[in-house]
Amino acid sequence: MTENPSDSNASPQAKLAAPGAGLPFLQALALRHVLFPAFCRKTSWDEALALFLREGETVAAAAQSLSDQALQTRVLIRAPMGIEDSSRYWSAAMVLEHLIEVGSRVATGVVELTHSRAVSVKADIADVKPKGRNGTDIVAAYRAFLADYQDKLLRQTGHRDARGTAPHPWFGDLTAQRWVCLGAIHQQIHRRQMQRIIAGLPQG
């Protein structure tokens, strides 16, 4: 189901769960206690960063291929694993907005953790939902964000093995290393979301 931003009909968003309601119970358990820890054990800092950037480039290229109208058109999708119900009705531009907001917080927190400083940003699921107010310059902004993220994780960090932690509402207290892994997984999840949005856009 699609909706142009100019449509005046009631939004399907009203029928979805509230932002921050969380994932289905079994999915949340599997992610927190099995899948995410396993990924962190087998994935190095550099491997996670490389995955983050690969997924980011895939997202950017997909968004770049869209017309201005398609970029802003919301599509109701079936949620990939890791996407809560409230995030099923976004546009491609909203995905980019969300990735910039979350990724910027992750990068800032990682830098602070590796320098043994108090983390100044908060992981708040409801607070990082996109507002959908960005124009077509969001694609360029996203590419600039990817470069900034890479710079922070490669050149501005201190001790990668720092043991300080910052909390995530779904995954608990995470070290800098685990935040870097989570950043990569987050990119991957929303790349799948972006692909489903584009597949659901009106043809022609």
N, C-alpha and C. Protein backbone atom coordinates (compact mmCIF):
# COMPACT_ATOMS: atom_id res chain seq x y z
N MET A 1 0.85 -1.19 0.00
CA MET A 1 0.00 0.00 0.00
C MET A 1 0.88 1.24 0.00
N THR A 2 0.59 2.21 -0.87
CA THR A 2 1.41 3.41 -0.98
C THR A 2 0.57 4.64 -0.73
N GLU A 3 1.26 5.73 -0.39
CA GLU A 3 0.57 7.00 -0.18
C GLU A 3 1.51 8.12 -0.56
N ASN A 4 1.07 8.99 -1.44
CA ASN A 4 1.83 10.18 -1.78
C ASN A 4 1.70 11.17 -0.62
N PRO A 5 2.75 11.95 -0.31
CA PRO A 5 2.66 12.90 0.80
C PRO A 5 1.52 13.90 0.67
N SER A 6 0.99 14.11 -0.54
CA SER A 6 -0.10 15.07 -0.73
C SER A 6 -1.47 14.48 -0.44
N ASP A 7 -1.54 13.16 -0.25
CA ASP A 7 -2.83 12.53 0.00
C ASP A 7 -3.41 13.02 1.32
N SER A 8 -4.72 13.16 1.38
CA SER A 8 -5.37 13.67 2.59
C SER A 8 -6.10 12.58 3.35
N ASN A 9 -6.09 11.35 2.86
CA ASN A 9 -6.78 10.27 3.54
C ASN A 9 -6.10 9.93 4.86
N ALA A 10 -6.84 9.31 5.76
CA ALA A 10 -6.28 8.89 7.05
C ALA A 10 -5.10 7.95 6.81
N SER A 11 -4.04 8.15 7.56
CA SER A 11 -2.82 7.37 7.35
C SER A 11 -2.92 5.98 7.97
N PRO A 12 -2.38 4.97 7.27
CA PRO A 12 -2.31 3.63 7.87
C PRO A 12 -1.48 3.61 9.14
N GLN A 13 -0.64 4.66 9.36
CA GLN A 13 0.19 4.71 10.56
C GLN A 13 -0.65 4.61 11.82
N ALA A 14 -1.86 5.16 11.76
CA ALA A 14 -2.72 5.18 12.93
C ALA A 14 -3.13 3.77 13.36
N LYS A 15 -3.04 2.80 12.45
CA LYS A 15 -3.44 1.43 12.76
C LYS A 15 -2.29 0.58 13.28
N LEU A 16 -1.08 1.15 13.30
CA LEU A 16 0.09 0.41 13.75
C LEU A 16 0.35 0.64 15.23
N ALA A 17 1.19 -0.20 15.79
CA ALA A 17 1.53 -0.05 17.21
C ALA A 17 2.27 1.25 17.44
N ALA A 18 2.28 1.70 18.68
CA ALA A 18 2.94 2.96 19.02
C ALA A 18 4.46 2.83 18.88
N PRO A 19 5.14 3.90 18.50
CA PRO A 19 6.61 3.86 18.45
C PRO A 19 7.21 3.45 19.79
N GLY A 20 8.19 2.55 19.72
CA GLY A 20 8.81 2.07 20.94
C GLY A 20 8.12 0.89 21.59
N ALA A 21 7.05 0.38 20.95
CA ALA A 21 6.33 -0.76 21.51
C ALA A 21 7.17 -2.03 21.52
N GLY A 22 8.19 -2.08 20.67
CA GLY A 22 9.11 -3.22 20.67
C GLY A 22 8.78 -4.26 19.63
N LEU A 23 9.63 -5.29 19.62
CA LEU A 23 9.50 -6.38 18.66
C LEU A 23 8.61 -7.48 19.23
N PRO A 24 8.13 -8.38 18.37
CA PRO A 24 7.42 -9.57 18.88
C PRO A 24 8.29 -10.30 19.89
N PHE A 25 7.67 -10.88 20.90
CA PHE A 25 8.39 -11.43 22.06
C PHE A 25 9.48 -12.43 21.68
N LEU A 26 9.14 -13.42 20.88
CA LEU A 26 10.13 -14.45 20.54
C LEU A 26 11.25 -13.88 19.68
N GLN A 27 10.91 -12.97 18.78
CA GLN A 27 11.94 -12.34 17.95
C GLN A 27 12.90 -11.52 18.82
N ALA A 28 12.35 -10.79 19.78
CA ALA A 28 13.19 -9.99 20.67
C ALA A 28 14.14 -10.87 21.47
N LEU A 29 13.63 -12.00 21.97
CA LEU A 29 14.48 -12.93 22.72
C LEU A 29 15.61 -13.48 21.85
N ALA A 30 15.26 -13.90 20.65
CA ALA A 30 16.27 -14.48 19.76
C ALA A 30 17.35 -13.47 19.41
N LEU A 31 16.95 -12.24 19.13
CA LEU A 31 17.92 -11.22 18.78
C LEU A 31 18.84 -10.89 19.94
N ARG A 32 18.26 -10.70 21.11
CA ARG A 32 19.06 -10.27 22.27
C ARG A 32 19.98 -11.36 22.79
N HIS A 33 19.49 -12.58 22.84
CA HIS A 33 20.23 -13.63 23.55
C HIS A 33 20.96 -14.62 22.63
N VAL A 34 20.64 -14.62 21.34
CA VAL A 34 21.27 -15.60 20.44
C VAL A 34 21.96 -14.92 19.26
N LEU A 35 21.18 -14.26 18.41
CA LEU A 35 21.72 -13.76 17.15
C LEU A 35 22.71 -12.62 17.32
N PHE A 36 22.36 -11.64 18.13
CA PHE A 36 23.26 -10.51 18.32
C PHE A 36 24.56 -10.91 19.03
N PRO A 37 24.51 -11.66 20.13
CA PRO A 37 25.76 -12.09 20.76
C PRO A 37 26.64 -12.92 19.83
N ALA A 38 26.02 -13.78 19.02
CA ALA A 38 26.81 -14.60 18.09
C ALA A 38 27.49 -13.73 17.04
N PHE A 39 26.79 -12.74 16.54
CA PHE A 39 27.39 -11.82 15.56
C PHE A 39 28.58 -11.08 16.17
N CYS A 40 28.41 -10.62 17.39
CA CYS A 40 29.49 -9.88 18.06
C CYS A 40 30.72 -10.74 18.30
N ARG A 41 30.51 -12.01 18.61
CA ARG A 41 31.65 -12.90 18.88
C ARG A 41 32.49 -13.14 17.62
N LYS A 42 31.88 -13.18 16.48
CA LYS A 42 32.60 -13.56 15.26
C LYS A 42 32.99 -12.36 14.39
N THR A 43 32.59 -11.14 14.78
CA THR A 43 32.78 -9.98 13.93
C THR A 43 33.69 -8.96 14.61
N SER A 44 34.79 -8.61 13.95
CA SER A 44 35.72 -7.63 14.50
C SER A 44 35.18 -6.21 14.26
N TRP A 45 35.82 -5.26 14.89
CA TRP A 45 35.49 -3.85 14.72
C TRP A 45 35.55 -3.47 13.23
N ASP A 46 36.66 -3.80 12.59
CA ASP A 46 36.84 -3.43 11.18
C ASP A 46 35.85 -4.14 10.27
N GLU A 47 35.54 -5.39 10.58
CA GLU A 47 34.56 -6.12 9.78
C GLU A 47 33.17 -5.51 9.93
N ALA A 48 32.83 -5.11 11.15
CA ALA A 48 31.52 -4.49 11.38
C ALA A 48 31.44 -3.15 10.66
N LEU A 49 32.50 -2.38 10.71
CA LEU A 49 32.51 -1.09 10.01
C LEU A 49 32.40 -1.29 8.50
N ALA A 50 33.11 -2.28 7.98
CA ALA A 50 33.04 -2.56 6.54
C ALA A 50 31.62 -2.95 6.13
N LEU A 51 30.96 -3.76 6.95
CA LEU A 51 29.58 -4.15 6.66
C LEU A 51 28.66 -2.94 6.71
N PHE A 52 28.85 -2.10 7.72
CA PHE A 52 28.07 -0.88 7.85
C PHE A 52 28.16 -0.05 6.57
N LEU A 53 29.37 0.13 6.07
CA LEU A 53 29.58 0.96 4.89
C LEU A 53 29.04 0.31 3.61
N ARG A 54 29.18 -1.02 3.49
CA ARG A 54 28.63 -1.71 2.32
C ARG A 54 27.12 -1.58 2.29
N GLU A 55 26.49 -1.84 3.42
CA GLU A 55 25.04 -1.73 3.48
C GLU A 55 24.61 -0.29 3.24
N GLY A 56 25.39 0.64 3.78
CA GLY A 56 25.07 2.05 3.59
C GLY A 56 25.14 2.47 2.14
N GLU A 57 26.13 1.99 1.42
CA GLU A 57 26.25 2.32 0.01
C GLU A 57 25.10 1.71 -0.79
N THR A 58 24.68 0.50 -0.42
CA THR A 58 23.53 -0.12 -1.09
C THR A 58 22.27 0.71 -0.87
N VAL A 59 22.08 1.17 0.35
CA VAL A 59 20.93 2.01 0.67
C VAL A 59 20.99 3.32 -0.11
N ALA A 60 22.16 3.96 -0.12
CA ALA A 60 22.31 5.24 -0.81
C ALA A 60 22.05 5.10 -2.31
N ALA A 61 22.60 4.05 -2.92
CA ALA A 61 22.41 3.84 -4.35
C ALA A 61 20.94 3.59 -4.67
N ALA A 62 20.26 2.84 -3.84
CA ALA A 62 18.84 2.57 -4.06
C ALA A 62 18.02 3.85 -3.98
N ALA A 63 18.31 4.67 -2.98
CA ALA A 63 17.59 5.94 -2.83
C ALA A 63 17.90 6.88 -3.99
N GLN A 64 19.15 6.88 -4.44
CA GLN A 64 19.58 7.75 -5.54
C GLN A 64 18.83 7.43 -6.83
N SER A 65 18.40 6.18 -6.98
CA SER A 65 17.74 5.76 -8.22
C SER A 65 16.28 6.19 -8.29
N LEU A 66 15.74 6.72 -7.18
CA LEU A 66 14.32 7.05 -7.13
C LEU A 66 14.04 8.47 -7.59
N SER A 67 12.88 8.68 -8.16
CA SER A 67 12.43 10.03 -8.46
C SER A 67 12.15 10.76 -7.14
N ASP A 68 12.03 12.08 -7.21
CA ASP A 68 11.75 12.85 -6.00
C ASP A 68 10.44 12.39 -5.35
N GLN A 69 9.44 12.13 -6.17
CA GLN A 69 8.15 11.71 -5.63
C GLN A 69 8.25 10.33 -4.99
N ALA A 70 8.93 9.40 -5.66
CA ALA A 70 9.06 8.05 -5.12
C ALA A 70 9.85 8.06 -3.81
N LEU A 71 10.84 8.91 -3.72
CA LEU A 71 11.65 9.01 -2.51
C LEU A 71 10.80 9.39 -1.30
N GLN A 72 9.77 10.18 -1.54
CA GLN A 72 8.93 10.68 -0.44
C GLN A 72 7.64 9.87 -0.24
N THR A 73 7.42 8.85 -1.06
CA THR A 73 6.16 8.09 -0.99
C THR A 73 6.24 6.99 0.07
N ARG A 74 5.33 7.01 0.99
CA ARG A 74 5.26 5.98 2.03
C ARG A 74 4.67 4.69 1.47
N VAL A 75 5.20 3.56 1.95
CA VAL A 75 4.72 2.25 1.54
C VAL A 75 4.54 1.39 2.79
N LEU A 76 3.40 0.75 2.91
CA LEU A 76 3.15 -0.17 4.03
C LEU A 76 3.74 -1.52 3.67
N ILE A 77 4.70 -2.00 4.46
CA ILE A 77 5.41 -3.25 4.15
C ILE A 77 5.22 -4.28 5.26
N ARG A 78 5.57 -5.51 4.92
CA ARG A 78 5.72 -6.55 5.95
C ARG A 78 7.07 -6.33 6.62
N ALA A 79 7.11 -6.30 7.92
CA ALA A 79 8.33 -5.93 8.63
C ALA A 79 9.40 -7.00 8.53
N PRO A 80 10.62 -6.62 8.10
CA PRO A 80 11.74 -7.56 8.21
C PRO A 80 12.06 -7.79 9.69
N MET A 81 12.81 -8.82 9.99
CA MET A 81 13.21 -9.07 11.37
C MET A 81 13.99 -7.87 11.88
N GLY A 82 13.63 -7.41 13.07
CA GLY A 82 14.31 -6.28 13.68
C GLY A 82 13.58 -4.95 13.50
N ILE A 83 12.48 -4.96 12.76
CA ILE A 83 11.68 -3.74 12.54
C ILE A 83 10.39 -3.87 13.33
N GLU A 84 10.13 -2.90 14.19
CA GLU A 84 8.89 -2.97 14.95
C GLU A 84 7.71 -2.47 14.12
N ASP A 85 6.52 -2.76 14.60
CA ASP A 85 5.30 -2.51 13.83
C ASP A 85 5.15 -1.05 13.41
N SER A 86 5.51 -0.13 14.29
CA SER A 86 5.32 1.29 13.99
C SER A 86 6.18 1.78 12.83
N SER A 87 7.19 1.00 12.45
CA SER A 87 8.12 1.42 11.38
C SER A 87 7.77 0.79 10.03
N ARG A 88 6.59 0.21 9.90
CA ARG A 88 6.23 -0.49 8.66
C ARG A 88 5.69 0.45 7.58
N TYR A 89 5.46 1.70 7.93
CA TYR A 89 4.84 2.62 6.96
C TYR A 89 5.71 3.86 6.79
N TRP A 90 6.85 3.66 6.12
CA TRP A 90 7.80 4.74 5.90
C TRP A 90 8.04 4.93 4.40
N SER A 91 8.63 6.06 4.09
CA SER A 91 9.15 6.29 2.75
C SER A 91 10.65 6.00 2.75
N ALA A 92 11.25 5.95 1.56
CA ALA A 92 12.70 5.76 1.47
C ALA A 92 13.43 6.91 2.15
N ALA A 93 12.91 8.13 1.99
CA ALA A 93 13.53 9.29 2.64
C ALA A 93 13.49 9.16 4.15
N MET A 94 12.44 8.59 4.69
CA MET A 94 12.33 8.40 6.14
C MET A 94 13.35 7.38 6.64
N VAL A 95 13.62 6.37 5.83
CA VAL A 95 14.66 5.40 6.20
C VAL A 95 16.00 6.11 6.32
N LEU A 96 16.33 6.95 5.34
CA LEU A 96 17.60 7.68 5.39
C LEU A 96 17.67 8.60 6.61
N GLU A 97 16.58 9.29 6.87
CA GLU A 97 16.53 10.19 8.04
C GLU A 97 16.79 9.41 9.33
N HIS A 98 16.15 8.26 9.44
CA HIS A 98 16.33 7.42 10.63
C HIS A 98 17.77 6.91 10.76
N LEU A 99 18.33 6.46 9.66
CA LEU A 99 19.70 5.94 9.70
C LEU A 99 20.70 7.02 10.07
N ILE A 100 20.49 8.23 9.60
CA ILE A 100 21.38 9.33 9.98
C ILE A 100 21.28 9.60 11.48
N GLU A 101 20.08 9.67 11.99
CA GLU A 101 19.88 9.98 13.40
C GLU A 101 20.47 8.90 14.30
N VAL A 102 20.14 7.66 14.02
CA VAL A 102 20.65 6.56 14.85
C VAL A 102 22.16 6.43 14.70
N GLY A 103 22.65 6.42 13.46
CA GLY A 103 24.07 6.25 13.24
C GLY A 103 24.91 7.35 13.85
N SER A 104 24.41 8.58 13.82
CA SER A 104 25.14 9.70 14.42
C SER A 104 25.25 9.51 15.93
N ARG A 105 24.18 9.03 16.55
CA ARG A 105 24.22 8.77 18.00
C ARG A 105 25.18 7.63 18.31
N VAL A 106 25.15 6.58 17.50
CA VAL A 106 26.05 5.45 17.73
C VAL A 106 27.50 5.91 17.64
N ALA A 107 27.83 6.64 16.58
CA ALA A 107 29.22 7.08 16.39
C ALA A 107 29.69 7.96 17.53
N THR A 108 28.84 8.88 17.96
CA THR A 108 29.20 9.76 19.08
C THR A 108 29.43 8.94 20.35
N GLY A 109 28.52 8.02 20.63
CA GLY A 109 28.65 7.19 21.83
C GLY A 109 29.88 6.32 21.80
N VAL A 110 30.19 5.75 20.63
CA VAL A 110 31.37 4.89 20.50
C VAL A 110 32.65 5.69 20.77
N VAL A 111 32.75 6.86 20.19
CA VAL A 111 33.93 7.70 20.43
C VAL A 111 34.07 8.00 21.92
N GLU A 112 32.97 8.36 22.55
CA GLU A 112 33.02 8.69 23.98
C GLU A 112 33.40 7.47 24.82
N LEU A 113 32.85 6.32 24.52
CA LEU A 113 33.19 5.11 25.27
C LEU A 113 34.67 4.76 25.14
N THR A 114 35.21 4.90 23.95
CA THR A 114 36.62 4.52 23.74
C THR A 114 37.59 5.52 24.37
N HIS A 115 37.09 6.67 24.78
CA HIS A 115 37.92 7.65 25.51
C HIS A 115 37.53 7.70 26.99
N SER A 116 36.76 6.69 27.43
CA SER A 116 36.33 6.57 28.84
C SER A 116 35.59 7.82 29.32
N ARG A 117 34.78 8.38 28.44
CA ARG A 117 33.96 9.53 28.81
C ARG A 117 32.51 9.10 28.99
N ALA A 118 31.76 9.90 29.73
CA ALA A 118 30.33 9.64 29.88
C ALA A 118 29.65 9.81 28.53
N VAL A 119 28.74 8.92 28.22
CA VAL A 119 28.06 8.97 26.93
C VAL A 119 26.99 10.05 26.96
N SER A 120 27.05 10.96 26.00
CA SER A 120 26.16 12.13 26.00
C SER A 120 24.88 11.92 25.20
N VAL A 121 24.78 10.80 24.48
CA VAL A 121 23.60 10.53 23.67
C VAL A 121 22.83 9.35 24.26
N LYS A 122 21.56 9.29 23.94
CA LYS A 122 20.70 8.25 24.50
C LYS A 122 20.08 7.41 23.39
N ALA A 123 20.05 6.10 23.62
CA ALA A 123 19.36 5.20 22.70
C ALA A 123 17.89 5.13 23.11
N ASP A 124 17.05 5.77 22.35
CA ASP A 124 15.62 5.85 22.65
C ASP A 124 14.86 5.50 21.38
N ILE A 125 14.23 4.34 21.37
CA ILE A 125 13.58 3.83 20.16
C ILE A 125 12.55 4.80 19.60
N ALA A 126 11.68 5.33 20.45
CA ALA A 126 10.63 6.22 19.97
C ALA A 126 11.20 7.56 19.50
N ASP A 127 12.26 8.02 20.15
CA ASP A 127 12.80 9.34 19.86
C ASP A 127 13.50 9.42 18.50
N VAL A 128 13.95 8.28 17.98
CA VAL A 128 14.69 8.31 16.71
C VAL A 128 13.82 7.95 15.51
N LYS A 129 12.52 7.89 15.70
CA LYS A 129 11.65 7.68 14.55
C LYS A 129 11.68 8.91 13.65
N PRO A 130 11.67 8.72 12.33
CA PRO A 130 11.76 9.87 11.42
C PRO A 130 10.50 10.71 11.45
N LYS A 131 10.70 12.00 11.20
CA LYS A 131 9.56 12.94 11.15
C LYS A 131 9.02 13.08 9.74
N GLY A 132 9.80 12.67 8.73
CA GLY A 132 9.32 12.71 7.35
C GLY A 132 9.26 14.10 6.77
N ARG A 133 10.14 15.00 7.22
CA ARG A 133 10.09 16.39 6.76
C ARG A 133 11.27 16.75 5.86
N ASN A 134 12.08 15.77 5.47
CA ASN A 134 13.27 16.06 4.67
C ASN A 134 12.94 16.15 3.19
N GLY A 135 13.71 16.99 2.48
CA GLY A 135 13.55 17.11 1.03
C GLY A 135 14.45 16.13 0.31
N THR A 136 14.62 16.36 -0.97
CA THR A 136 15.41 15.44 -1.78
C THR A 136 16.91 15.50 -1.46
N ASP A 137 17.34 16.52 -0.72
CA ASP A 137 18.75 16.61 -0.33
C ASP A 137 19.12 15.58 0.73
N ILE A 138 18.15 14.78 1.18
CA ILE A 138 18.41 13.77 2.21
C ILE A 138 19.40 12.72 1.70
N VAL A 139 19.43 12.44 0.41
CA VAL A 139 20.36 11.44 -0.12
C VAL A 139 21.80 11.94 0.02
N ALA A 140 22.03 13.19 -0.34
CA ALA A 140 23.37 13.76 -0.17
C ALA A 140 23.75 13.82 1.30
N ALA A 141 22.78 14.16 2.15
CA ALA A 141 23.04 14.20 3.59
C ALA A 141 23.41 12.82 4.12
N TYR A 142 22.78 11.80 3.57
CA TYR A 142 23.08 10.43 4.01
C TYR A 142 24.49 10.03 3.59
N ARG A 143 24.88 10.37 2.38
CA ARG A 143 26.24 10.05 1.93
C ARG A 143 27.28 10.78 2.79
N ALA A 144 27.00 12.02 3.14
CA ALA A 144 27.91 12.77 4.01
C ALA A 144 27.99 12.12 5.38
N PHE A 145 26.86 11.63 5.86
CA PHE A 145 26.84 10.92 7.14
C PHE A 145 27.72 9.67 7.10
N LEU A 146 27.65 8.89 6.02
CA LEU A 146 28.46 7.69 5.93
C LEU A 146 29.95 8.02 6.03
N ALA A 147 30.37 9.09 5.38
CA ALA A 147 31.77 9.50 5.45
C ALA A 147 32.15 9.93 6.86
N ASP A 148 31.25 10.64 7.51
CA ASP A 148 31.51 11.10 8.88
C ASP A 148 31.58 9.93 9.86
N TYR A 149 30.70 8.96 9.67
CA TYR A 149 30.69 7.77 10.53
C TYR A 149 32.02 7.03 10.40
N GLN A 150 32.47 6.84 9.17
CA GLN A 150 33.74 6.15 8.94
C GLN A 150 34.90 6.91 9.60
N ASP A 151 34.90 8.22 9.46
CA ASP A 151 35.96 9.03 10.05
C ASP A 151 35.98 8.89 11.57
N LYS A 152 34.81 8.95 12.18
CA LYS A 152 34.75 8.84 13.63
C LYS A 152 35.26 7.49 14.12
N LEU A 153 34.84 6.41 13.48
CA LEU A 153 35.21 5.08 13.96
C LEU A 153 36.65 4.70 13.63
N LEU A 154 37.24 5.33 12.63
CA LEU A 154 38.62 5.02 12.28
C LEU A 154 39.62 5.99 12.90
N ARG A 155 39.26 7.26 13.02
CA ARG A 155 40.26 8.28 13.37
C ARG A 155 40.00 9.00 14.68
N GLN A 156 38.80 8.93 15.19
CA GLN A 156 38.49 9.70 16.40
C GLN A 156 38.32 8.84 17.64
N THR A 157 38.36 7.54 17.48
CA THR A 157 38.19 6.65 18.63
C THR A 157 39.51 6.48 19.39
N GLY A 158 39.38 6.05 20.64
CA GLY A 158 40.54 5.77 21.47
C GLY A 158 40.81 4.29 21.56
N HIS A 159 40.57 3.72 22.75
CA HIS A 159 40.81 2.29 22.97
C HIS A 159 39.59 1.48 22.54
N ARG A 160 39.76 0.69 21.51
CA ARG A 160 38.63 -0.09 21.00
C ARG A 160 38.13 -1.13 21.99
N ASP A 161 39.01 -1.59 22.87
CA ASP A 161 38.62 -2.63 23.83
C ASP A 161 38.19 -2.04 25.16
N ALA A 162 37.84 -0.75 25.19
CA ALA A 162 37.37 -0.12 26.42
C ALA A 162 36.18 -0.89 26.98
N ARG A 163 36.13 -1.04 28.29
CA ARG A 163 35.10 -1.87 28.90
C ARG A 163 33.88 -1.09 29.39
N GLY A 164 33.92 0.24 29.25
CA GLY A 164 32.74 1.01 29.63
C GLY A 164 31.56 0.66 28.75
N THR A 165 30.36 0.89 29.25
CA THR A 165 29.15 0.53 28.50
C THR A 165 28.14 1.67 28.47
N ALA A 166 27.24 1.56 27.51
CA ALA A 166 26.08 2.45 27.42
C ALA A 166 24.88 1.58 27.11
N PRO A 167 23.72 1.89 27.68
CA PRO A 167 22.56 1.00 27.54
C PRO A 167 21.81 1.15 26.23
N HIS A 168 21.31 0.02 25.74
CA HIS A 168 20.36 0.00 24.63
C HIS A 168 19.08 -0.65 25.17
N PRO A 169 17.90 -0.09 24.85
CA PRO A 169 16.66 -0.62 25.44
C PRO A 169 16.34 -2.06 25.06
N TRP A 170 16.84 -2.56 23.94
CA TRP A 170 16.57 -3.93 23.53
C TRP A 170 17.71 -4.88 23.87
N PHE A 171 18.95 -4.39 23.91
CA PHE A 171 20.10 -5.28 24.02
C PHE A 171 20.90 -5.11 25.31
N GLY A 172 20.49 -4.21 26.17
CA GLY A 172 21.17 -4.05 27.45
C GLY A 172 22.42 -3.19 27.33
N ASP A 173 23.31 -3.31 28.33
CA ASP A 173 24.53 -2.51 28.38
C ASP A 173 25.55 -3.03 27.37
N LEU A 174 26.02 -2.15 26.49
CA LEU A 174 26.91 -2.55 25.40
C LEU A 174 28.23 -1.79 25.47
N THR A 175 29.33 -2.51 25.22
CA THR A 175 30.64 -1.88 25.07
C THR A 175 30.72 -1.18 23.71
N ALA A 176 31.79 -0.43 23.50
CA ALA A 176 31.98 0.23 22.20
C ALA A 176 32.00 -0.79 21.07
N GLN A 177 32.70 -1.91 21.28
CA GLN A 177 32.77 -2.96 20.25
C GLN A 177 31.37 -3.45 19.88
N ARG A 178 30.54 -3.66 20.89
CA ARG A 178 29.19 -4.17 20.61
C ARG A 178 28.32 -3.10 19.97
N TRP A 179 28.55 -1.84 20.29
CA TRP A 179 27.81 -0.78 19.61
C TRP A 179 28.17 -0.73 18.14
N VAL A 180 29.45 -0.94 17.82
CA VAL A 180 29.87 -0.95 16.42
C VAL A 180 29.19 -2.10 15.69
N CYS A 181 29.11 -3.25 16.33
CA CYS A 181 28.41 -4.39 15.73
C CYS A 181 26.93 -4.10 15.54
N LEU A 182 26.34 -3.47 16.55
CA LEU A 182 24.91 -3.15 16.44
C LEU A 182 24.66 -2.16 15.31
N GLY A 183 25.59 -1.20 15.15
CA GLY A 183 25.45 -0.26 14.05
C GLY A 183 25.40 -0.95 12.70
N ALA A 184 26.24 -1.96 12.51
CA ALA A 184 26.26 -2.71 11.26
C ALA A 184 24.96 -3.47 11.04
N ILE A 185 24.49 -4.13 12.09
CA ILE A 185 23.23 -4.88 11.99
C ILE A 185 22.07 -3.94 11.70
N HIS A 186 22.08 -2.79 12.33
CA HIS A 186 21.02 -1.80 12.11
C HIS A 186 20.97 -1.36 10.65
N GLN A 187 22.13 -1.12 10.06
CA GLN A 187 22.17 -0.77 8.63
C GLN A 187 21.57 -1.89 7.78
N GLN A 188 21.93 -3.13 8.10
CA GLN A 188 21.47 -4.27 7.33
C GLN A 188 19.96 -4.42 7.41
N ILE A 189 19.42 -4.26 8.60
CA ILE A 189 17.97 -4.37 8.80
C ILE A 189 17.23 -3.33 7.96
N HIS A 190 17.73 -2.10 7.99
CA HIS A 190 17.02 -1.04 7.28
C HIS A 190 17.30 -1.04 5.78
N ARG A 191 18.38 -1.67 5.36
CA ARG A 191 18.57 -1.91 3.92
C ARG A 191 17.46 -2.83 3.42
N ARG A 192 17.14 -3.85 4.19
CA ARG A 192 16.05 -4.74 3.80
C ARG A 192 14.72 -3.99 3.80
N GLN A 193 14.52 -3.14 4.77
CA GLN A 193 13.31 -2.32 4.79
C GLN A 193 13.23 -1.44 3.54
N MET A 194 14.34 -0.80 3.19
CA MET A 194 14.38 0.06 2.00
C MET A 194 14.02 -0.74 0.75
N GLN A 195 14.55 -1.93 0.62
CA GLN A 195 14.26 -2.75 -0.55
C GLN A 195 12.79 -3.11 -0.64
N ARG A 196 12.17 -3.38 0.49
CA ARG A 196 10.73 -3.70 0.49
C ARG A 196 9.90 -2.47 0.15
N ILE A 197 10.32 -1.31 0.63
CA ILE A 197 9.61 -0.08 0.30
C ILE A 197 9.67 0.15 -1.22
N ILE A 198 10.86 0.03 -1.79
CA ILE A 198 11.01 0.27 -3.22
C ILE A 198 10.21 -0.75 -4.04
N ALA A 199 10.21 -2.00 -3.60
CA ALA A 199 9.44 -3.03 -4.30
C ALA A 199 7.95 -2.73 -4.26
N GLY A 200 7.50 -2.02 -3.24
CA GLY A 200 6.08 -1.72 -3.11
C GLY A 200 5.63 -0.43 -3.74
N LEU A 201 6.56 0.32 -4.31
CA LEU A 201 6.19 1.57 -4.96
C LEU A 201 5.37 1.32 -6.23
N PRO A 202 4.49 2.26 -6.57
CA PRO A 202 3.71 2.11 -7.81
C PRO A 202 4.63 2.01 -9.01
N GLN A 203 4.35 1.14 -9.93
CA GLN A 203 5.16 0.96 -11.11
C GLN A 203 4.79 1.98 -12.18
N GLY A 204 5.81 2.46 -12.88
CA GLY A 204 5.55 3.40 -13.97
C GLY A 204 5.33 4.81 -13.50
